[in-house]
Amino acid sequence: MLTTLKGKGVFPEHHPLALGVRGSLAARFLEASDLVFSIGSSLFPNRFSHAIPEPQAKTIVQCTVDTLDINRSYETRHAVIGDAQLTLRALIAEYTRQAGGGRKDPALLEEIAAGRQEFQATFRPWMESTDKPINPYRVIGDLMKVLDPKASFVTADSGNTRDQTSTVYEAHIARGHLGWGNVSTLGFSLAGAIAAKLAYPERQCVNITGDAGICYMMGNFEAVARYGIGITTVHINNGGYSGYGPGFWGKGHDPYTWKVSDHGSACMASMARSLGFHAQDVTEPADIVPAFERAFAENAKGRPALLEFICSHHPVHGGWVGRE
């Protein structure tokens, strides 16, 4: 089961059949498939989704509520116009009637498990890194150690925070992760976390942002504190827009398109603290988990938190299947 970025979490990513959202494992199965069964997706390729490689060689079955999606990007061999849940229930009932119910394929399960281990092995050293400045993957990895995946909500701003989080964060429940990408509204992760906390007060809600996104949030922090909305904002502070600038996309980039004030001249934690947030600068990898625990304890009292992690530039993430 491969999900889109917006659909991340609708299928539990710790399930033995889960392929995740992006990266080599998802790409391998999408490329090797001869049938694509799409549920609730437009299948419209964009910068933040997989294209279907060699679509003319695959049978595409598409279930959608919007007839405009049919044959929009690829030839739809079989179209089902209707509600995804009703469609899946009807399909399960008919398959059970004809074939007697589901059957496990041990070889397939082993192939997925091996592929998942291989994919995770690429990122695990960074998620366990003791380097300083902190590797941003270490922040995400330690966040997963503290959060209850069945009682939490996570979202990330556009840019590397979105790309890295969606690559390695394991979502277990529907509406436990908000993924987005074909618009880049910096600062939107804060609104997403606020909305999630109001809709699910019992959940621990976290939004992850970078140096660009945090600048779009500051005007709203006062209201978050005033209304006592217990969420945690994670600021991956590496003093720049990591997707831009020399060293990432090559020579010739104007430094003013990516360089921002570093932590020595602009401390976002101090700003948040002055507005009533629990706020902390974190520079040591060993302090990440305790910082999260303190922030979440304050959230439980109705106090928002901001954790500012002093991180390295690390613009590496799982990719998408490219377009033909």
C-alpha atoms as a PDB file:
ATOM      1  CA  MET A   1       0.000   0.000   0.000  1.00  0.00           C
ATOM      2  CA  LEU A   2       1.468   3.294  -1.173  1.00  0.00           C
ATOM      3  CA  THR A   3      -0.129   6.535   0.014  1.00  0.00           C
ATOM      4  CA  THR A   4       0.092  10.063  -1.310  1.00  0.00           C
ATOM      5  CA  LEU A   5       1.610  12.821   0.772  1.00  0.00           C
ATOM      6  CA  LYS A   6      -1.851  14.171   1.635  1.00  0.00           C
ATOM      7  CA  GLY A   7      -3.037  10.648   2.443  1.00  0.00           C
ATOM      8  CA  LYS A   8      -0.121   9.762   4.736  1.00  0.00           C
ATOM      9  CA  GLY A   9      -1.536   7.928   7.749  1.00  0.00           C
ATOM     10  CA  VAL A  10      -4.792   6.674   6.230  1.00  0.00           C
ATOM     11  CA  PHE A  11      -3.055   3.289   6.047  1.00  0.00           C
ATOM     12  CA  PRO A  12      -0.908   2.534   9.130  1.00  0.00           C
ATOM     13  CA  GLU A  13       2.716   2.778   8.103  1.00  0.00           C
ATOM     14  CA  HIS A  14       3.827   0.073  10.533  1.00  0.00           C
ATOM     15  CA  HIS A  15       1.578  -2.444   8.744  1.00  0.00           C
ATOM     16  CA  PRO A  16       3.465  -5.294   6.996  1.00  0.00           C
ATOM     17  CA  LEU A  17       2.027  -4.170   3.616  1.00  0.00           C
ATOM     18  CA  ALA A  18       2.833  -0.461   4.012  1.00  0.00           C
ATOM     19  CA  LEU A  19       5.265   1.026   1.495  1.00  0.00           C
ATOM     20  CA  GLY A  20       5.241   4.541   2.931  1.00  0.00           C
ATOM     21  CA  VAL A  21       4.955   7.763   0.952  1.00  0.00           C
ATOM     22  CA  ARG A  22       8.267   8.315  -0.757  1.00  0.00           C
ATOM     23  CA  GLY A  23      11.683   6.860  -1.336  1.00  0.00           C
ATOM     24  CA  SER A  24      13.234   3.749  -2.826  1.00  0.00           C
ATOM     25  CA  LEU A  25      10.778   1.187  -1.414  1.00  0.00           C
ATOM     26  CA  ALA A  26       7.697   3.001  -2.699  1.00  0.00           C
ATOM     27  CA  ALA A  27       9.378   3.603  -6.051  1.00  0.00           C
ATOM     28  CA  ARG A  28      10.423  -0.032  -6.443  1.00  0.00           C
ATOM     29  CA  PHE A  29       6.902  -1.413  -6.124  1.00  0.00           C
ATOM     30  CA  LEU A  30       5.291   1.323  -8.195  1.00  0.00           C
ATOM     31  CA  GLU A  31       7.734   0.730 -11.019  1.00  0.00           C
ATOM     32  CA  ALA A  32       7.342  -3.070 -10.880  1.00  0.00           C
ATOM     33  CA  SER A  33       3.528  -3.094 -10.686  1.00  0.00           C
ATOM     34  CA  ASP A  34       1.364  -4.160 -13.600  1.00  0.00           C
ATOM     35  CA  LEU A  35      -1.861  -2.975 -11.927  1.00  0.00           C
ATOM     36  CA  VAL A  36      -2.438   0.271 -10.042  1.00  0.00           C
ATOM     37  CA  PHE A  37      -5.608   0.425  -7.913  1.00  0.00           C
ATOM     38  CA  SER A  38      -6.104   4.038  -6.867  1.00  0.00           C
ATOM     39  CA  ILE A  39      -8.485   4.965  -4.050  1.00  0.00           C
ATOM     40  CA  GLY A  40      -9.441   8.596  -3.521  1.00  0.00           C
ATOM     41  CA  SER A  41      -6.590  10.063  -5.559  1.00  0.00           C
ATOM     42  CA  SER A  42      -6.726  12.242  -8.659  1.00  0.00           C
ATOM     43  CA  LEU A  43      -3.493  10.593  -9.891  1.00  0.00           C
ATOM     44  CA  PHE A  44      -2.488  14.043 -11.087  1.00  0.00           C
ATOM     45  CA  PRO A  45       1.324  14.203 -10.973  1.00  0.00           C
ATOM     46  CA  ASN A  46       2.944  17.219  -9.367  1.00  0.00           C
ATOM     47  CA  ARG A  47       6.226  18.085  -7.687  1.00  0.00           C
ATOM     48  CA  PHE A  48       5.205  16.311  -4.488  1.00  0.00           C
ATOM     49  CA  SER A  49       3.818  13.002  -5.694  1.00  0.00           C
ATOM     50  CA  HIS A  50       4.901   9.982  -7.662  1.00  0.00           C
ATOM     51  CA  ALA A  51       4.303   9.783 -11.358  1.00  0.00           C
ATOM     52  CA  ILE A  52       3.260   6.394 -12.698  1.00  0.00           C
ATOM     53  CA  PRO A  53       6.187   5.035 -14.729  1.00  0.00           C
ATOM     54  CA  GLU A  54       5.285   3.439 -18.066  1.00  0.00           C
ATOM     55  CA  PRO A  55       1.543   3.907 -17.500  1.00  0.00           C
ATOM     56  CA  GLN A  56       0.720   2.448 -20.899  1.00  0.00           C
ATOM     57  CA  ALA A  57       2.018  -0.917 -19.659  1.00  0.00           C
ATOM     58  CA  LYS A  58      -0.128  -0.910 -16.507  1.00  0.00           C
ATOM     59  CA  THR A  59      -3.818  -1.447 -15.853  1.00  0.00           C
ATOM     60  CA  ILE A  60      -5.111   1.528 -13.883  1.00  0.00           C
ATOM     61  CA  VAL A  61      -8.263   1.157 -11.774  1.00  0.00           C
ATOM     62  CA  GLN A  62      -9.357   4.459 -10.276  1.00  0.00           C
ATOM     63  CA  CYS A  63     -11.965   5.043  -7.585  1.00  0.00           C
ATOM     64  CA  THR A  64     -12.809   8.721  -7.164  1.00  0.00           C
ATOM     65  CA  VAL A  65     -15.798  10.941  -6.463  1.00  0.00           C
ATOM     66  CA  ASP A  66     -14.759  13.416  -9.164  1.00  0.00           C
ATOM     67  CA  THR A  67     -15.337  12.452 -12.780  1.00  0.00           C
ATOM     68  CA  LEU A  68     -12.801  15.085 -13.867  1.00  0.00           C
ATOM     69  CA  ASP A  69     -10.043  12.845 -12.469  1.00  0.00           C
ATOM     70  CA  ILE A  70     -10.818  10.036 -14.902  1.00  0.00           C
ATOM     71  CA  ASN A  71      -8.331   9.929 -17.789  1.00  0.00           C
ATOM     72  CA  ARG A  72      -6.970  13.267 -16.581  1.00  0.00           C
ATOM     73  CA  SER A  73      -3.329  12.233 -16.525  1.00  0.00           C
ATOM     74  CA  TYR A  74      -3.323   8.565 -17.468  1.00  0.00           C
ATOM     75  CA  GLU A  75      -5.636   6.202 -19.275  1.00  0.00           C
ATOM     76  CA  THR A  76      -8.093   4.795 -16.740  1.00  0.00           C
ATOM     77  CA  ARG A  77      -8.940   1.237 -17.763  1.00  0.00           C
ATOM     78  CA  HIS A  78     -11.630   0.873 -15.120  1.00  0.00           C
ATOM     79  CA  ALA A  79     -13.336   3.783 -13.318  1.00  0.00           C
ATOM     80  CA  VAL A  80     -15.403   3.586 -10.133  1.00  0.00           C
ATOM     81  CA  ILE A  81     -17.212   6.837  -9.362  1.00  0.00           C
ATOM     82  CA  GLY A  82     -18.191   6.828  -5.721  1.00  0.00           C
ATOM     83  CA  ASP A  83     -17.280   6.868  -2.065  1.00  0.00           C
ATOM     84  CA  ALA A  84     -13.992   5.138  -1.222  1.00  0.00           C
ATOM     85  CA  GLN A  85     -15.271   3.432   1.939  1.00  0.00           C
ATOM     86  CA  LEU A  86     -18.391   2.056   0.274  1.00  0.00           C
ATOM     87  CA  THR A  87     -16.335   0.883  -2.687  1.00  0.00           C
ATOM     88  CA  LEU A  88     -13.791  -0.934  -0.540  1.00  0.00           C
ATOM     89  CA  ARG A  89     -16.479  -2.597   1.586  1.00  0.00           C
ATOM     90  CA  ALA A  90     -18.269  -3.805  -1.544  1.00  0.00           C
ATOM     91  CA  LEU A  91     -14.996  -5.062  -3.013  1.00  0.00           C
ATOM     92  CA  ILE A  92     -14.106  -6.963   0.174  1.00  0.00           C
ATOM     93  CA  ALA A  93     -17.559  -8.526   0.309  1.00  0.00           C
ATOM     94  CA  GLU A  94     -17.413  -9.617  -3.324  1.00  0.00           C
ATOM     95  CA  TYR A  95     -13.874 -10.958  -3.015  1.00  0.00           C
ATOM     96  CA  THR A  96     -14.887 -12.899   0.083  1.00  0.00           C
ATOM     97  CA  ARG A  97     -17.869 -14.346  -1.810  1.00  0.00           C
ATOM     98  CA  GLN A  98     -15.771 -15.388  -4.777  1.00  0.00           C
ATOM     99  CA  ALA A  99     -12.472 -16.350  -3.193  1.00  0.00           C
ATOM    100  CA  GLY A 100     -13.341 -17.006   0.424  1.00  0.00           C
ATOM    101  CA  GLY A 101     -11.474 -14.047   1.887  1.00  0.00           C
ATOM    102  CA  GLY A 102      -7.986 -12.665   1.960  1.00  0.00           C
ATOM    103  CA  ARG A 103      -4.854 -14.777   1.748  1.00  0.00           C
ATOM    104  CA  LYS A 104      -1.347 -13.910   2.881  1.00  0.00           C
ATOM    105  CA  ASP A 105       1.599 -14.050   0.517  1.00  0.00           C
ATOM    106  CA  PRO A 106       4.649 -14.823   2.701  1.00  0.00           C
ATOM    107  CA  ALA A 107       7.091 -14.073  -0.127  1.00  0.00           C
ATOM    108  CA  LEU A 108       5.586 -10.624  -0.669  1.00  0.00           C
ATOM    109  CA  LEU A 109       5.636  -9.844   3.040  1.00  0.00           C
ATOM    110  CA  GLU A 110       9.294 -10.844   3.227  1.00  0.00           C
ATOM    111  CA  GLU A 111      10.124  -8.694   0.196  1.00  0.00           C
ATOM    112  CA  ILE A 112       8.444  -5.643   1.712  1.00  0.00           C
ATOM    113  CA  ALA A 113      10.089  -6.220   5.101  1.00  0.00           C
ATOM    114  CA  ALA A 114      13.525  -6.531   3.516  1.00  0.00           C
ATOM    115  CA  GLY A 115      12.965  -3.445   1.401  1.00  0.00           C
ATOM    116  CA  ARG A 116      11.790  -1.475   4.419  1.00  0.00           C
ATOM    117  CA  GLN A 117      14.877  -2.470   6.407  1.00  0.00           C
ATOM    118  CA  GLU A 118      17.101  -1.437   3.506  1.00  0.00           C
ATOM    119  CA  PHE A 119      15.350   1.927   3.183  1.00  0.00           C
ATOM    120  CA  GLN A 120      15.445   2.594   6.927  1.00  0.00           C
ATOM    121  CA  ALA A 121      19.134   1.681   7.064  1.00  0.00           C
ATOM    122  CA  THR A 122      19.864   4.680   4.851  1.00  0.00           C
ATOM    123  CA  PHE A 123      18.353   7.123   7.345  1.00  0.00           C
ATOM    124  CA  ARG A 124      18.941   5.387  10.680  1.00  0.00           C
ATOM    125  CA  PRO A 125      22.538   6.653  11.109  1.00  0.00           C
ATOM    126  CA  TRP A 126      21.276  10.239  10.787  1.00  0.00           C
ATOM    127  CA  MET A 127      18.331   9.574  13.114  1.00  0.00           C
ATOM    128  CA  GLU A 128      20.802   8.321  15.728  1.00  0.00           C
ATOM    129  CA  SER A 129      23.572  10.800  14.955  1.00  0.00           C
ATOM    130  CA  THR A 130      25.496  12.454  17.789  1.00  0.00           C
ATOM    131  CA  ASP A 131      26.898  15.128  15.480  1.00  0.00           C
ATOM    132  CA  LYS A 132      26.850  18.815  16.391  1.00  0.00           C
ATOM    133  CA  PRO A 133      25.177  20.868  15.086  1.00  0.00           C
ATOM    134  CA  ILE A 134      22.318  18.392  15.453  1.00  0.00           C
ATOM    135  CA  ASN A 135      21.289  16.436  12.378  1.00  0.00           C
ATOM    136  CA  PRO A 136      17.602  17.285  11.686  1.00  0.00           C
ATOM    137  CA  TYR A 137      16.825  13.584  11.285  1.00  0.00           C
ATOM    138  CA  ARG A 138      17.935  13.056  14.905  1.00  0.00           C
ATOM    139  CA  VAL A 139      15.216  15.506  15.969  1.00  0.00           C
ATOM    140  CA  ILE A 140      12.537  13.589  14.040  1.00  0.00           C
ATOM    141  CA  GLY A 141      13.831  10.232  15.264  1.00  0.00           C
ATOM    142  CA  ASP A 142      13.764  11.316  18.914  1.00  0.00           C
ATOM    143  CA  LEU A 143      10.316  12.872  18.458  1.00  0.00           C
ATOM    144  CA  MET A 144       9.058   9.444  17.395  1.00  0.00           C
ATOM    145  CA  LYS A 145      10.471   7.977  20.619  1.00  0.00           C
ATOM    146  CA  VAL A 146       8.425  10.355  22.766  1.00  0.00           C
ATOM    147  CA  LEU A 147       5.119  10.618  20.850  1.00  0.00           C
ATOM    148  CA  ASP A 148       2.358   8.054  21.096  1.00  0.00           C
ATOM    149  CA  PRO A 149       1.660   7.450  17.377  1.00  0.00           C
ATOM    150  CA  LYS A 150      -1.968   6.551  18.129  1.00  0.00           C
ATOM    151  CA  ALA A 151      -2.673   9.711  20.129  1.00  0.00           C
ATOM    152  CA  SER A 152      -0.831  12.454  18.315  1.00  0.00           C
ATOM    153  CA  PHE A 153      -0.780  14.749  15.302  1.00  0.00           C
ATOM    154  CA  VAL A 154       2.253  15.897  13.316  1.00  0.00           C
ATOM    155  CA  THR A 155       2.643  18.232  10.375  1.00  0.00           C
ATOM    156  CA  ALA A 156       5.570  20.070   8.807  1.00  0.00           C
ATOM    157  CA  ASP A 157       6.075  23.219   6.799  1.00  0.00           C
ATOM    158  CA  SER A 158       7.110  23.179   3.171  1.00  0.00           C
ATOM    159  CA  GLY A 159      10.762  22.745   2.349  1.00  0.00           C
ATOM    160  CA  ASN A 160      13.179  20.283   3.900  1.00  0.00           C
ATOM    161  CA  THR A 161      11.126  19.953   7.088  1.00  0.00           C
ATOM    162  CA  ARG A 162       8.222  18.548   5.066  1.00  0.00           C
ATOM    163  CA  ASP A 163      10.451  16.385   2.892  1.00  0.00           C
ATOM    164  CA  GLN A 164      12.434  14.875   5.755  1.00  0.00           C
ATOM    165  CA  THR A 165       9.439  14.377   8.039  1.00  0.00           C
ATOM    166  CA  SER A 166       7.351  12.674   5.361  1.00  0.00           C
ATOM    167  CA  THR A 167      10.288  10.404   4.532  1.00  0.00           C
ATOM    168  CA  VAL A 168      10.898   8.904   7.976  1.00  0.00           C
ATOM    169  CA  TYR A 169       8.020   9.820  10.309  1.00  0.00           C
ATOM    170  CA  GLU A 170       5.805   6.762  10.773  1.00  0.00           C
ATOM    171  CA  ALA A 171       2.099   7.669  10.870  1.00  0.00           C
ATOM    172  CA  HIS A 172      -0.223   5.089  12.443  1.00  0.00           C
ATOM    173  CA  ILE A 173      -3.683   6.659  12.380  1.00  0.00           C
ATOM    174  CA  ALA A 174      -5.897   8.583  10.006  1.00  0.00           C
ATOM    175  CA  ARG A 175      -5.696  12.344  10.595  1.00  0.00           C
ATOM    176  CA  GLY A 176      -2.556  11.766  12.628  1.00  0.00           C
ATOM    177  CA  HIS A 177      -0.429  13.486  10.002  1.00  0.00           C
ATOM    178  CA  LEU A 178      -1.139  16.390   7.682  1.00  0.00           C
ATOM    179  CA  GLY A 179       0.821  16.211   4.455  1.00  0.00           C
ATOM    180  CA  TRP A 180       0.713  18.845   1.757  1.00  0.00           C
ATOM    181  CA  GLY A 181       2.992  20.082  -0.943  1.00  0.00           C
ATOM    182  CA  ASN A 182       1.564  21.364  -4.185  1.00  0.00           C
ATOM    183  CA  VAL A 183       1.306  24.748  -2.485  1.00  0.00           C
ATOM    184  CA  SER A 184       4.127  26.107  -0.344  1.00  0.00           C
ATOM    185  CA  THR A 185       2.386  28.274   2.232  1.00  0.00           C
ATOM    186  CA  LEU A 186       5.168  28.852   4.724  1.00  0.00           C
ATOM    187  CA  GLY A 187       3.882  28.986   8.279  1.00  0.00           C
ATOM    188  CA  PHE A 188       0.821  26.865   7.576  1.00  0.00           C
ATOM    189  CA  SER A 189       2.025  24.083   9.867  1.00  0.00           C
ATOM    190  CA  LEU A 190       1.153  26.228  12.893  1.00  0.00           C
ATOM    191  CA  ALA A 191      -2.436  26.619  11.697  1.00  0.00           C
ATOM    192  CA  GLY A 192      -2.572  22.876  11.061  1.00  0.00           C
ATOM    193  CA  ALA A 193      -1.443  22.076  14.608  1.00  0.00           C
ATOM    194  CA  ILE A 194      -3.882  24.580  16.125  1.00  0.00           C
ATOM    195  CA  ALA A 195      -6.790  23.112  14.154  1.00  0.00           C
ATOM    196  CA  ALA A 196      -5.809  19.571  15.094  1.00  0.00           C
ATOM    197  CA  LYS A 197      -5.631  20.457  18.797  1.00  0.00           C
ATOM    198  CA  LEU A 198      -9.065  22.080  18.694  1.00  0.00           C
ATOM    199  CA  ALA A 199     -10.518  19.070  16.865  1.00  0.00           C
ATOM    200  CA  TYR A 200      -8.699  16.462  18.987  1.00  0.00           C
ATOM    201  CA  PRO A 201      -7.951  18.040  22.395  1.00  0.00           C
ATOM    202  CA  GLU A 202      -6.686  14.735  23.773  1.00  0.00           C
ATOM    203  CA  ARG A 203      -3.902  14.455  21.189  1.00  0.00           C
ATOM    204  CA  GLN A 204      -0.353  15.739  21.433  1.00  0.00           C
ATOM    205  CA  CYS A 205      -0.048  18.084  18.441  1.00  0.00           C
ATOM    206  CA  VAL A 206       3.309  19.062  16.942  1.00  0.00           C
ATOM    207  CA  ASN A 207       4.282  21.210  13.976  1.00  0.00           C
ATOM    208  CA  ILE A 208       7.776  21.184  12.516  1.00  0.00           C
ATOM    209  CA  THR A 209       9.141  24.228  10.730  1.00  0.00           C
ATOM    210  CA  GLY A 210      12.363  25.748   9.485  1.00  0.00           C
ATOM    211  CA  ASP A 211      13.974  29.165   9.332  1.00  0.00           C
ATOM    212  CA  ALA A 212      11.627  30.429   6.621  1.00  0.00           C
ATOM    213  CA  GLY A 213       8.413  29.053   8.109  1.00  0.00           C
ATOM    214  CA  ILE A 214       9.010  30.321  11.643  1.00  0.00           C
ATOM    215  CA  CYS A 215       9.102  33.913  10.375  1.00  0.00           C
ATOM    216  CA  TYR A 216       5.531  33.595   9.106  1.00  0.00           C
ATOM    217  CA  MET A 217       4.248  32.329  12.462  1.00  0.00           C
ATOM    218  CA  MET A 218       5.464  34.882  14.957  1.00  0.00           C
ATOM    219  CA  GLY A 219       2.493  37.217  14.608  1.00  0.00           C
ATOM    220  CA  ASN A 220       0.179  34.378  15.624  1.00  0.00           C
ATOM    221  CA  PHE A 221       2.088  33.125  18.656  1.00  0.00           C
ATOM    222  CA  GLU A 222       0.440  35.664  20.934  1.00  0.00           C
ATOM    223  CA  ALA A 223      -3.036  34.288  20.178  1.00  0.00           C
ATOM    224  CA  VAL A 224      -1.861  30.703  20.730  1.00  0.00           C
ATOM    225  CA  ALA A 225      -0.583  31.663  24.194  1.00  0.00           C
ATOM    226  CA  ARG A 226      -3.609  33.811  25.030  1.00  0.00           C
ATOM    227  CA  TYR A 227      -6.062  31.018  24.249  1.00  0.00           C
ATOM    228  CA  GLY A 228      -3.954  28.390  26.005  1.00  0.00           C
ATOM    229  CA  ILE A 229      -3.577  26.059  23.020  1.00  0.00           C
ATOM    230  CA  GLY A 230      -1.156  23.367  24.162  1.00  0.00           C
ATOM    231  CA  ILE A 231       0.824  22.581  21.036  1.00  0.00           C
ATOM    232  CA  THR A 232       4.562  22.306  20.392  1.00  0.00           C
ATOM    233  CA  THR A 233       6.356  24.048  17.540  1.00  0.00           C
ATOM    234  CA  VAL A 234       9.650  22.452  16.523  1.00  0.00           C
ATOM    235  CA  HIS A 235      12.055  24.896  14.891  1.00  0.00           C
ATOM    236  CA  ILE A 236      14.851  23.295  12.871  1.00  0.00           C
ATOM    237  CA  ASN A 237      17.286  26.216  13.035  1.00  0.00           C
ATOM    238  CA  ASN A 238      20.238  25.928  10.679  1.00  0.00           C
ATOM    239  CA  GLY A 239      20.617  29.603   9.798  1.00  0.00           C
ATOM    240  CA  GLY A 240      19.410  29.262   6.228  1.00  0.00           C
ATOM    241  CA  TYR A 241      16.933  27.954   3.703  1.00  0.00           C
ATOM    242  CA  SER A 242      18.475  24.553   3.214  1.00  0.00           C
ATOM    243  CA  GLY A 243      17.008  23.937  -0.230  1.00  0.00           C
ATOM    244  CA  TYR A 244      18.772  26.946  -1.694  1.00  0.00           C
ATOM    245  CA  GLY A 245      22.173  28.496  -1.990  1.00  0.00           C
ATOM    246  CA  PRO A 246      25.678  27.410  -2.960  1.00  0.00           C
ATOM    247  CA  GLY A 247      26.508  23.862  -1.975  1.00  0.00           C
ATOM    248  CA  PHE A 248      23.006  22.537  -2.562  1.00  0.00           C
ATOM    249  CA  TRP A 249      21.946  23.591  -6.055  1.00  0.00           C
ATOM    250  CA  GLY A 250      25.318  24.670  -7.410  1.00  0.00           C
ATOM    251  CA  LYS A 251      27.050  27.948  -8.079  1.00  0.00           C
ATOM    252  CA  GLY A 252      25.413  31.186  -9.086  1.00  0.00           C
ATOM    253  CA  HIS A 253      22.748  31.508  -6.409  1.00  0.00           C
ATOM    254  CA  ASP A 254      22.396  34.873  -4.742  1.00  0.00           C
ATOM    255  CA  PRO A 255      23.267  34.316  -1.048  1.00  0.00           C
ATOM    256  CA  TYR A 256      20.374  36.564  -0.059  1.00  0.00           C
ATOM    257  CA  THR A 257      17.909  33.972  -1.340  1.00  0.00           C
ATOM    258  CA  TRP A 258      18.945  31.497   1.356  1.00  0.00           C
ATOM    259  CA  LYS A 259      21.029  33.074   4.107  1.00  0.00           C
ATOM    260  CA  VAL A 260      19.170  34.224   7.255  1.00  0.00           C
ATOM    261  CA  SER A 261      20.203  35.415  10.701  1.00  0.00           C
ATOM    262  CA  ASP A 262      21.834  32.691  12.743  1.00  0.00           C
ATOM    263  CA  HIS A 263      20.954  31.803  16.301  1.00  0.00           C
ATOM    264  CA  GLY A 264      23.558  34.147  17.707  1.00  0.00           C
ATOM    265  CA  SER A 265      21.721  37.205  16.426  1.00  0.00           C
ATOM    266  CA  ALA A 266      18.111  35.997  16.341  1.00  0.00           C
ATOM    267  CA  CYS A 267      16.875  33.608  19.046  1.00  0.00           C
ATOM    268  CA  MET A 268      13.324  32.543  18.246  1.00  0.00           C
ATOM    269  CA  ALA A 269      12.999  30.748  21.587  1.00  0.00           C
ATOM    270  CA  SER A 270      13.539  34.046  23.416  1.00  0.00           C
ATOM    271  CA  MET A 271      10.844  35.672  21.313  1.00  0.00           C
ATOM    272  CA  ALA A 272       8.369  32.865  22.039  1.00  0.00           C
ATOM    273  CA  ARG A 273       9.207  32.903  25.738  1.00  0.00           C
ATOM    274  CA  SER A 274       8.409  36.614  25.932  1.00  0.00           C
ATOM    275  CA  LEU A 275       4.926  35.835  24.593  1.00  0.00           C
ATOM    276  CA  GLY A 276       4.199  33.232  27.252  1.00  0.00           C
ATOM    277  CA  PHE A 277       5.448  30.065  25.581  1.00  0.00           C
ATOM    278  CA  HIS A 278       7.537  27.433  27.247  1.00  0.00           C
ATOM    279  CA  ALA A 279      10.648  27.743  25.070  1.00  0.00           C
ATOM    280  CA  GLN A 280      14.089  26.194  24.970  1.00  0.00           C
ATOM    281  CA  ASP A 281      17.224  26.194  22.821  1.00  0.00           C
ATOM    282  CA  VAL A 282      18.603  22.704  22.263  1.00  0.00           C
ATOM    283  CA  THR A 283      22.179  22.237  21.102  1.00  0.00           C
ATOM    284  CA  GLU A 284      23.040  18.767  22.466  1.00  0.00           C
ATOM    285  CA  PRO A 285      21.628  15.605  20.836  1.00  0.00           C
ATOM    286  CA  ALA A 286      21.256  14.007  24.278  1.00  0.00           C
ATOM    287  CA  ASP A 287      18.921  16.827  25.338  1.00  0.00           C
ATOM    288  CA  ILE A 288      16.371  16.289  22.554  1.00  0.00           C
ATOM    289  CA  VAL A 289      14.169  13.725  24.305  1.00  0.00           C
ATOM    290  CA  PRO A 290      14.131  15.563  27.670  1.00  0.00           C
ATOM    291  CA  ALA A 291      13.253  18.783  25.842  1.00  0.00           C
ATOM    292  CA  PHE A 292      10.270  17.118  24.195  1.00  0.00           C
ATOM    293  CA  GLU A 293       9.144  15.648  27.501  1.00  0.00           C
ATOM    294  CA  ARG A 294       9.245  19.052  29.200  1.00  0.00           C
ATOM    295  CA  ALA A 295       7.404  20.707  26.310  1.00  0.00           C
ATOM    296  CA  PHE A 296       4.656  18.091  26.276  1.00  0.00           C
ATOM    297  CA  ALA A 297       4.230  18.395  30.049  1.00  0.00           C
ATOM    298  CA  GLU A 298       3.669  22.137  29.598  1.00  0.00           C
ATOM    299  CA  ASN A 299       1.249  21.460  26.735  1.00  0.00           C
ATOM    300  CA  ALA A 300      -0.810  19.314  29.088  1.00  0.00           C
ATOM    301  CA  LYS A 301      -1.267  22.419  31.264  1.00  0.00           C
ATOM    302  CA  GLY A 302      -2.543  24.426  28.297  1.00  0.00           C
ATOM    303  CA  ARG A 303       0.744  26.210  27.604  1.00  0.00           C
ATOM    304  CA  PRO A 304       2.204  26.203  24.080  1.00  0.00           C
ATOM    305  CA  ALA A 305       5.872  25.382  23.565  1.00  0.00           C
ATOM    306  CA  LEU A 306       8.617  26.171  21.082  1.00  0.00           C
ATOM    307  CA  LEU A 307      11.753  24.085  20.866  1.00  0.00           C
ATOM    308  CA  GLU A 308      14.594  25.585  18.863  1.00  0.00           C
ATOM    309  CA  PHE A 309      17.020  22.897  17.721  1.00  0.00           C
ATOM    310  CA  ILE A 310      20.372  24.161  16.453  1.00  0.00           C
ATOM    311  CA  CYS A 311      20.839  21.916  13.439  1.00  0.00           C
ATOM    312  CA  SER A 312      23.055  21.368  10.430  1.00  0.00           C
ATOM    313  CA  HIS A 313      22.162  21.844   6.791  1.00  0.00           C
ATOM    314  CA  HIS A 314      21.117  18.417   5.567  1.00  0.00           C
ATOM    315  CA  PRO A 315      18.927  18.645   2.433  1.00  0.00           C
ATOM    316  CA  VAL A 316      18.570  14.881   1.942  1.00  0.00           C
ATOM    317  CA  HIS A 317      15.268  13.031   1.749  1.00  0.00           C
ATOM    318  CA  GLY A 318      13.489  10.200  -0.015  1.00  0.00           C
ATOM    319  CA  GLY A 319      12.660  11.062  -3.608  1.00  0.00           C
ATOM    320  CA  TRP A 320       9.654  10.643  -5.852  1.00  0.00           C
ATOM    321  CA  VAL A 321       9.308   8.532  -8.966  1.00  0.00           C
ATOM    322  CA  GLY A 322      10.052  10.976 -11.780  1.00  0.00           C
ATOM    323  CA  ARG A 323       7.937  11.798 -14.773  1.00  0.00           C
ATOM    324  CA  GLU A 324       8.489  10.203 -18.133  1.00  0.00           C
END
